[in-house]
Amino acid sequence: MTDTIDFDEMNRKVIAEFRETGGKAGGIFEGMPLVLVHHIGAKTGTARIAPLVPLVDGDRLYIFASKGGSPENPAWYHNLVANPKVEVEYGTERFPVNARVLTGTERDEVYAKQVAVQPQFGEYQQKTDRLIPVIELERIDR
């Protein structure tokens, strides 16, 4: 018998815990930074939230479309490409951002930084033939 993971239910629990604790979560996210990325379905227009482990580099936030090294990009990545102006929750703040996909050397340097602090991201890249996208969440000035 194979156990199936209900990712929607898992995400609901992570999001609730994040909000209850001012931006922290336990379980698989224990001790890691976490960001909630609000995004709009590219095909459906449905509002969604993805809890993700970012790279925090000073005042910059980066996220990674790793999907655990799966052969395809996660749905949220396609949604951000189609609708890049979104909101994020980080800590106790919620603010607008523009999601910008990094390319070339800039992408490679940021991905290497993430692998240095979260080595599993190196394993994810080794598991797939696709180049895992890196997205900067550029805060939009108010």
N, C-alpha and C. Protein backbone atom coordinates (compact mmCIF):
# COMPACT_ATOMS: atom_id res chain seq x y z
N MET A 1 0.84 -1.18 0.00
CA MET A 1 0.00 0.00 0.00
C MET A 1 0.88 1.24 0.00
N THR A 2 0.59 2.19 -0.87
CA THR A 2 1.38 3.40 -0.99
C THR A 2 0.65 4.56 -0.34
N ASP A 3 1.36 5.28 0.52
CA ASP A 3 0.78 6.48 1.12
C ASP A 3 0.89 7.62 0.13
N THR A 4 -0.19 8.38 -0.02
CA THR A 4 -0.15 9.56 -0.87
C THR A 4 -0.16 10.78 0.02
N ILE A 5 0.55 11.80 -0.40
CA ILE A 5 0.65 13.03 0.37
C ILE A 5 -0.38 14.01 -0.16
N ASP A 6 -1.18 14.56 0.74
CA ASP A 6 -2.14 15.60 0.37
C ASP A 6 -1.42 16.94 0.55
N PHE A 7 -0.82 17.43 -0.55
CA PHE A 7 -0.03 18.66 -0.47
C PHE A 7 -0.87 19.87 -0.10
N ASP A 8 -2.12 19.92 -0.58
CA ASP A 8 -2.98 21.04 -0.23
C ASP A 8 -3.21 21.10 1.27
N GLU A 9 -3.48 19.95 1.88
CA GLU A 9 -3.70 19.90 3.33
C GLU A 9 -2.41 20.24 4.08
N MET A 10 -1.29 19.70 3.62
CA MET A 10 -0.01 20.00 4.25
C MET A 10 0.27 21.51 4.17
N ASN A 11 0.05 22.11 3.01
CA ASN A 11 0.27 23.54 2.85
C ASN A 11 -0.64 24.35 3.76
N ARG A 12 -1.90 23.95 3.89
CA ARG A 12 -2.83 24.66 4.79
C ARG A 12 -2.30 24.68 6.22
N LYS A 13 -1.78 23.55 6.66
CA LYS A 13 -1.23 23.46 8.03
C LYS A 13 0.01 24.34 8.18
N VAL A 14 0.90 24.30 7.20
CA VAL A 14 2.12 25.12 7.23
C VAL A 14 1.76 26.60 7.25
N ILE A 15 0.82 27.01 6.40
CA ILE A 15 0.41 28.41 6.32
C ILE A 15 -0.20 28.86 7.64
N ALA A 16 -1.06 28.04 8.23
CA ALA A 16 -1.68 28.40 9.52
C ALA A 16 -0.61 28.54 10.60
N GLU A 17 0.33 27.60 10.66
CA GLU A 17 1.39 27.66 11.67
C GLU A 17 2.27 28.90 11.45
N PHE A 18 2.60 29.19 10.20
CA PHE A 18 3.40 30.36 9.86
C PHE A 18 2.75 31.62 10.42
N ARG A 19 1.46 31.75 10.18
CA ARG A 19 0.73 32.94 10.62
C ARG A 19 0.58 33.00 12.13
N GLU A 20 0.41 31.86 12.77
CA GLU A 20 0.25 31.81 14.23
C GLU A 20 1.55 32.14 14.97
N THR A 21 2.69 31.86 14.35
CA THR A 21 3.98 32.02 15.02
C THR A 21 4.79 33.21 14.51
N GLY A 22 4.19 34.06 13.70
CA GLY A 22 4.92 35.22 13.19
C GLY A 22 5.98 34.89 12.17
N GLY A 23 5.72 33.86 11.38
CA GLY A 23 6.62 33.57 10.26
C GLY A 23 7.51 32.36 10.43
N LYS A 24 7.22 31.52 11.41
CA LYS A 24 8.02 30.31 11.61
C LYS A 24 7.12 29.10 11.43
N ALA A 25 7.73 27.99 11.11
CA ALA A 25 6.97 26.74 10.99
C ALA A 25 7.84 25.60 11.47
N GLY A 26 7.22 24.53 11.86
CA GLY A 26 7.94 23.34 12.32
C GLY A 26 7.97 22.29 11.24
N GLY A 27 8.02 21.05 11.68
CA GLY A 27 8.03 19.92 10.74
C GLY A 27 9.22 20.00 9.80
N ILE A 28 8.97 19.79 8.52
CA ILE A 28 10.06 19.79 7.55
C ILE A 28 10.67 21.17 7.37
N PHE A 29 9.98 22.22 7.85
CA PHE A 29 10.49 23.58 7.73
C PHE A 29 11.18 24.08 9.01
N GLU A 30 11.30 23.24 10.01
CA GLU A 30 11.89 23.63 11.29
C GLU A 30 13.27 24.27 11.10
N GLY A 31 13.42 25.49 11.62
CA GLY A 31 14.70 26.18 11.58
C GLY A 31 15.05 26.82 10.24
N MET A 32 14.18 26.69 9.26
CA MET A 32 14.45 27.27 7.94
C MET A 32 13.65 28.55 7.78
N PRO A 33 14.16 29.49 6.96
CA PRO A 33 13.32 30.64 6.63
C PRO A 33 12.14 30.15 5.80
N LEU A 34 11.07 30.89 5.85
CA LEU A 34 9.89 30.51 5.09
C LEU A 34 9.22 31.77 4.57
N VAL A 35 8.71 31.70 3.35
CA VAL A 35 7.98 32.79 2.75
C VAL A 35 6.70 32.21 2.15
N LEU A 36 5.61 32.95 2.31
CA LEU A 36 4.35 32.55 1.67
C LEU A 36 4.19 33.40 0.42
N VAL A 37 4.15 32.74 -0.72
CA VAL A 37 4.05 33.43 -2.00
C VAL A 37 2.61 33.31 -2.50
N HIS A 38 1.93 34.44 -2.55
CA HIS A 38 0.57 34.49 -3.10
C HIS A 38 0.72 34.56 -4.61
N HIS A 39 -0.02 33.73 -5.33
CA HIS A 39 0.07 33.75 -6.79
C HIS A 39 -1.29 33.46 -7.39
N ILE A 40 -1.43 33.81 -8.65
CA ILE A 40 -2.70 33.67 -9.37
C ILE A 40 -2.53 32.61 -10.46
N GLY A 41 -3.43 31.65 -10.49
CA GLY A 41 -3.37 30.58 -11.50
C GLY A 41 -3.32 31.14 -12.91
N ALA A 42 -2.34 30.72 -13.70
CA ALA A 42 -2.18 31.21 -15.07
C ALA A 42 -3.38 30.85 -15.94
N LYS A 43 -3.95 29.68 -15.73
CA LYS A 43 -5.08 29.23 -16.53
C LYS A 43 -6.41 29.49 -15.85
N THR A 44 -6.45 29.35 -14.52
CA THR A 44 -7.72 29.41 -13.80
C THR A 44 -8.03 30.77 -13.20
N GLY A 45 -6.99 31.57 -12.95
CA GLY A 45 -7.20 32.85 -12.27
C GLY A 45 -7.45 32.68 -10.78
N THR A 46 -7.29 31.47 -10.27
CA THR A 46 -7.53 31.17 -8.86
C THR A 46 -6.37 31.67 -8.01
N ALA A 47 -6.69 32.33 -6.90
CA ALA A 47 -5.67 32.79 -5.96
C ALA A 47 -5.16 31.60 -5.15
N ARG A 48 -3.85 31.51 -5.03
CA ARG A 48 -3.22 30.40 -4.31
C ARG A 48 -2.08 30.94 -3.45
N ILE A 49 -1.62 30.10 -2.51
CA ILE A 49 -0.47 30.45 -1.66
C ILE A 49 0.47 29.26 -1.64
N ALA A 50 1.75 29.52 -1.88
CA ALA A 50 2.78 28.47 -1.81
C ALA A 50 3.76 28.80 -0.69
N PRO A 51 3.88 27.94 0.32
CA PRO A 51 4.93 28.12 1.33
C PRO A 51 6.25 27.59 0.76
N LEU A 52 7.27 28.45 0.75
CA LEU A 52 8.54 28.08 0.13
C LEU A 52 9.72 28.47 1.02
N VAL A 53 10.81 27.73 0.88
CA VAL A 53 12.05 28.05 1.57
C VAL A 53 12.86 28.98 0.67
N PRO A 54 13.01 30.24 1.08
CA PRO A 54 13.75 31.19 0.26
C PRO A 54 15.22 31.25 0.65
N LEU A 55 15.99 31.90 -0.19
CA LEU A 55 17.31 32.38 0.20
C LEU A 55 17.12 33.84 0.56
N VAL A 56 17.49 34.19 1.76
CA VAL A 56 17.42 35.57 2.21
C VAL A 56 18.84 36.11 2.13
N ASP A 57 19.05 37.10 1.28
CA ASP A 57 20.37 37.68 1.06
C ASP A 57 20.26 39.18 1.30
N GLY A 58 20.53 39.60 2.54
CA GLY A 58 20.32 41.00 2.91
C GLY A 58 18.83 41.28 2.89
N ASP A 59 18.42 42.25 2.08
CA ASP A 59 16.99 42.55 1.98
C ASP A 59 16.37 41.94 0.73
N ARG A 60 17.07 40.99 0.13
CA ARG A 60 16.57 40.35 -1.09
C ARG A 60 16.08 38.93 -0.77
N LEU A 61 14.99 38.54 -1.44
CA LEU A 61 14.41 37.21 -1.30
C LEU A 61 14.45 36.49 -2.65
N TYR A 62 14.90 35.24 -2.62
CA TYR A 62 14.94 34.41 -3.82
C TYR A 62 14.22 33.10 -3.52
N ILE A 63 13.49 32.60 -4.50
CA ILE A 63 12.85 31.30 -4.38
C ILE A 63 13.29 30.41 -5.54
N PHE A 64 13.08 29.11 -5.36
CA PHE A 64 13.65 28.12 -6.28
C PHE A 64 12.57 27.13 -6.71
N ALA A 65 12.37 26.99 -8.02
CA ALA A 65 11.34 26.10 -8.55
C ALA A 65 11.87 24.68 -8.65
N SER A 66 12.29 24.13 -7.51
CA SER A 66 12.95 22.83 -7.49
C SER A 66 11.98 21.65 -7.60
N LYS A 67 10.85 21.77 -6.95
CA LYS A 67 9.87 20.68 -6.87
C LYS A 67 10.58 19.37 -6.52
N GLY A 68 11.55 19.48 -5.59
CA GLY A 68 12.25 18.29 -5.11
C GLY A 68 13.07 17.56 -6.17
N GLY A 69 13.40 18.25 -7.27
CA GLY A 69 14.16 17.60 -8.34
C GLY A 69 13.28 16.89 -9.36
N SER A 70 12.00 17.18 -9.33
CA SER A 70 11.05 16.60 -10.29
C SER A 70 11.41 17.02 -11.72
N PRO A 71 10.99 16.24 -12.72
CA PRO A 71 11.30 16.60 -14.10
C PRO A 71 10.58 17.86 -14.61
N GLU A 72 9.51 18.29 -13.92
CA GLU A 72 8.79 19.48 -14.38
C GLU A 72 8.79 20.56 -13.30
N ASN A 73 8.64 21.79 -13.75
CA ASN A 73 8.56 22.92 -12.82
C ASN A 73 7.24 22.87 -12.04
N PRO A 74 7.24 23.39 -10.82
CA PRO A 74 6.00 23.45 -10.06
C PRO A 74 5.00 24.41 -10.69
N ALA A 75 3.71 24.19 -10.44
CA ALA A 75 2.66 25.04 -11.01
C ALA A 75 2.84 26.50 -10.60
N TRP A 76 3.28 26.74 -9.37
CA TRP A 76 3.42 28.13 -8.92
C TRP A 76 4.43 28.88 -9.79
N TYR A 77 5.44 28.20 -10.32
CA TYR A 77 6.42 28.87 -11.17
C TYR A 77 5.74 29.41 -12.43
N HIS A 78 4.93 28.58 -13.08
CA HIS A 78 4.22 29.02 -14.29
C HIS A 78 3.28 30.19 -13.97
N ASN A 79 2.67 30.12 -12.80
CA ASN A 79 1.77 31.20 -12.38
C ASN A 79 2.53 32.51 -12.20
N LEU A 80 3.72 32.46 -11.61
CA LEU A 80 4.51 33.68 -11.42
C LEU A 80 5.02 34.24 -12.74
N VAL A 81 5.35 33.38 -13.68
CA VAL A 81 5.79 33.85 -14.99
C VAL A 81 4.63 34.57 -15.69
N ALA A 82 3.42 34.00 -15.58
CA ALA A 82 2.24 34.60 -16.22
C ALA A 82 1.77 35.86 -15.50
N ASN A 83 1.88 35.87 -14.18
CA ASN A 83 1.38 36.98 -13.34
C ASN A 83 2.44 37.34 -12.31
N PRO A 84 3.49 38.08 -12.69
CA PRO A 84 4.63 38.30 -11.79
C PRO A 84 4.41 39.30 -10.65
N LYS A 85 3.39 40.12 -10.72
CA LYS A 85 3.13 41.07 -9.64
C LYS A 85 2.23 40.40 -8.62
N VAL A 86 2.83 40.03 -7.47
CA VAL A 86 2.12 39.26 -6.44
C VAL A 86 2.46 39.83 -5.06
N GLU A 87 1.99 39.16 -4.03
CA GLU A 87 2.33 39.53 -2.66
C GLU A 87 3.01 38.36 -1.98
N VAL A 88 3.83 38.68 -0.99
CA VAL A 88 4.45 37.65 -0.17
C VAL A 88 4.25 38.00 1.30
N GLU A 89 4.30 36.96 2.11
CA GLU A 89 4.34 37.12 3.56
C GLU A 89 5.69 36.60 4.00
N TYR A 90 6.40 37.44 4.75
CA TYR A 90 7.70 37.06 5.27
C TYR A 90 7.77 37.58 6.69
N GLY A 91 7.95 36.68 7.64
CA GLY A 91 7.87 37.08 9.04
C GLY A 91 6.46 37.56 9.32
N THR A 92 6.35 38.75 9.86
CA THR A 92 5.03 39.31 10.15
C THR A 92 4.59 40.33 9.10
N GLU A 93 5.38 40.48 8.05
CA GLU A 93 5.07 41.45 7.00
C GLU A 93 4.38 40.80 5.81
N ARG A 94 3.54 41.57 5.16
CA ARG A 94 2.96 41.18 3.87
C ARG A 94 3.17 42.37 2.94
N PHE A 95 3.78 42.11 1.76
CA PHE A 95 4.11 43.22 0.86
C PHE A 95 4.11 42.77 -0.59
N PRO A 96 3.92 43.75 -1.50
CA PRO A 96 3.90 43.42 -2.93
C PRO A 96 5.32 43.23 -3.48
N VAL A 97 5.43 42.30 -4.45
CA VAL A 97 6.71 42.04 -5.10
C VAL A 97 6.47 41.84 -6.60
N ASN A 98 7.56 41.95 -7.33
CA ASN A 98 7.59 41.55 -8.72
C ASN A 98 8.48 40.32 -8.79
N ALA A 99 7.97 39.22 -9.33
CA ALA A 99 8.73 37.98 -9.46
C ALA A 99 9.54 38.04 -10.76
N ARG A 100 10.86 38.01 -10.61
CA ARG A 100 11.76 38.12 -11.76
C ARG A 100 12.60 36.86 -11.87
N VAL A 101 12.49 36.15 -12.99
CA VAL A 101 13.26 34.93 -13.22
C VAL A 101 14.70 35.33 -13.57
N LEU A 102 15.65 34.77 -12.84
CA LEU A 102 17.06 35.06 -13.09
C LEU A 102 17.60 34.13 -14.17
N THR A 103 18.61 34.61 -14.90
CA THR A 103 19.21 33.82 -15.96
C THR A 103 20.73 33.89 -15.86
N GLY A 104 21.38 33.00 -16.57
CA GLY A 104 22.83 33.03 -16.73
C GLY A 104 23.60 33.00 -15.43
N THR A 105 24.66 33.79 -15.39
CA THR A 105 25.56 33.84 -14.25
C THR A 105 24.83 34.27 -12.98
N GLU A 106 23.92 35.24 -13.12
CA GLU A 106 23.18 35.71 -11.94
C GLU A 106 22.40 34.55 -11.31
N ARG A 107 21.73 33.75 -12.13
CA ARG A 107 20.99 32.59 -11.64
C ARG A 107 21.93 31.60 -10.96
N ASP A 108 23.04 31.30 -11.63
CA ASP A 108 23.99 30.30 -11.12
C ASP A 108 24.59 30.72 -9.78
N GLU A 109 24.92 32.00 -9.63
CA GLU A 109 25.51 32.48 -8.38
C GLU A 109 24.51 32.39 -7.23
N VAL A 110 23.27 32.76 -7.47
CA VAL A 110 22.26 32.70 -6.42
C VAL A 110 21.95 31.25 -6.07
N TYR A 111 21.87 30.37 -7.06
CA TYR A 111 21.60 28.96 -6.78
C TYR A 111 22.74 28.36 -5.94
N ALA A 112 23.97 28.71 -6.27
CA ALA A 112 25.12 28.21 -5.51
C ALA A 112 25.05 28.67 -4.04
N LYS A 113 24.61 29.90 -3.81
CA LYS A 113 24.44 30.39 -2.44
C LYS A 113 23.40 29.56 -1.70
N GLN A 114 22.31 29.22 -2.38
CA GLN A 114 21.27 28.42 -1.74
C GLN A 114 21.77 27.03 -1.41
N VAL A 115 22.51 26.43 -2.31
CA VAL A 115 23.07 25.10 -2.06
C VAL A 115 24.01 25.13 -0.85
N ALA A 116 24.74 26.23 -0.69
CA ALA A 116 25.67 26.35 0.44
C ALA A 116 24.93 26.35 1.79
N VAL A 117 23.74 26.94 1.83
CA VAL A 117 23.00 26.99 3.10
C VAL A 117 21.93 25.90 3.22
N GLN A 118 21.46 25.38 2.10
CA GLN A 118 20.46 24.31 2.06
C GLN A 118 20.93 23.25 1.06
N PRO A 119 21.84 22.36 1.48
CA PRO A 119 22.46 21.41 0.55
C PRO A 119 21.49 20.54 -0.25
N GLN A 120 20.28 20.33 0.26
CA GLN A 120 19.33 19.50 -0.49
C GLN A 120 19.02 20.09 -1.86
N PHE A 121 19.20 21.41 -2.04
CA PHE A 121 18.94 22.01 -3.34
C PHE A 121 19.96 21.54 -4.39
N GLY A 122 21.17 21.21 -3.96
CA GLY A 122 22.14 20.61 -4.86
C GLY A 122 21.69 19.22 -5.31
N GLU A 123 21.11 18.48 -4.37
CA GLU A 123 20.58 17.15 -4.69
C GLU A 123 19.41 17.26 -5.66
N TYR A 124 18.56 18.26 -5.46
CA TYR A 124 17.41 18.44 -6.36
C TYR A 124 17.90 18.67 -7.79
N GLN A 125 18.95 19.51 -7.95
CA GLN A 125 19.44 19.80 -9.30
C GLN A 125 20.03 18.55 -9.94
N GLN A 126 20.69 17.70 -9.13
CA GLN A 126 21.29 16.48 -9.66
C GLN A 126 20.23 15.47 -10.11
N LYS A 127 19.05 15.53 -9.50
CA LYS A 127 17.98 14.57 -9.81
C LYS A 127 17.24 14.87 -11.11
N THR A 128 17.43 16.05 -11.69
CA THR A 128 16.64 16.43 -12.85
C THR A 128 17.52 16.92 -14.00
N ASP A 129 17.02 16.78 -15.21
CA ASP A 129 17.72 17.28 -16.39
C ASP A 129 17.44 18.76 -16.65
N ARG A 130 16.38 19.30 -16.04
CA ARG A 130 16.04 20.71 -16.26
C ARG A 130 16.90 21.59 -15.36
N LEU A 131 17.12 22.80 -15.79
CA LEU A 131 17.81 23.78 -14.96
C LEU A 131 16.76 24.38 -14.03
N ILE A 132 16.94 24.22 -12.74
CA ILE A 132 15.95 24.69 -11.77
C ILE A 132 15.91 26.21 -11.79
N PRO A 133 14.74 26.78 -12.06
CA PRO A 133 14.62 28.24 -12.11
C PRO A 133 14.80 28.90 -10.74
N VAL A 134 15.40 30.08 -10.77
CA VAL A 134 15.59 30.92 -9.58
C VAL A 134 14.81 32.20 -9.84
N ILE A 135 14.02 32.60 -8.85
CA ILE A 135 13.16 33.77 -8.99
C ILE A 135 13.48 34.74 -7.87
N GLU A 136 13.77 35.98 -8.22
CA GLU A 136 13.91 37.01 -7.21
C GLU A 136 12.55 37.63 -6.97
N LEU A 137 12.22 37.81 -5.69
CA LEU A 137 11.00 38.48 -5.31
C LEU A 137 11.37 39.92 -4.98
N GLU A 138 11.29 40.79 -6.00
CA GLU A 138 11.71 42.19 -5.86
C GLU A 138 10.61 42.99 -5.20
N ARG A 139 10.91 43.50 -4.02
CA ARG A 139 9.93 44.27 -3.28
C ARG A 139 9.57 45.53 -4.09
N ILE A 140 8.27 45.78 -4.21
CA ILE A 140 7.79 46.97 -4.92
C ILE A 140 7.67 48.10 -3.91
N ASP A 141 8.37 49.18 -4.16
CA ASP A 141 8.34 50.31 -3.25
C ASP A 141 6.94 50.88 -3.14
N ARG A 142 6.59 51.23 -1.92
CA ARG A 142 5.24 51.79 -1.70
C ARG A 142 5.21 53.25 -1.97
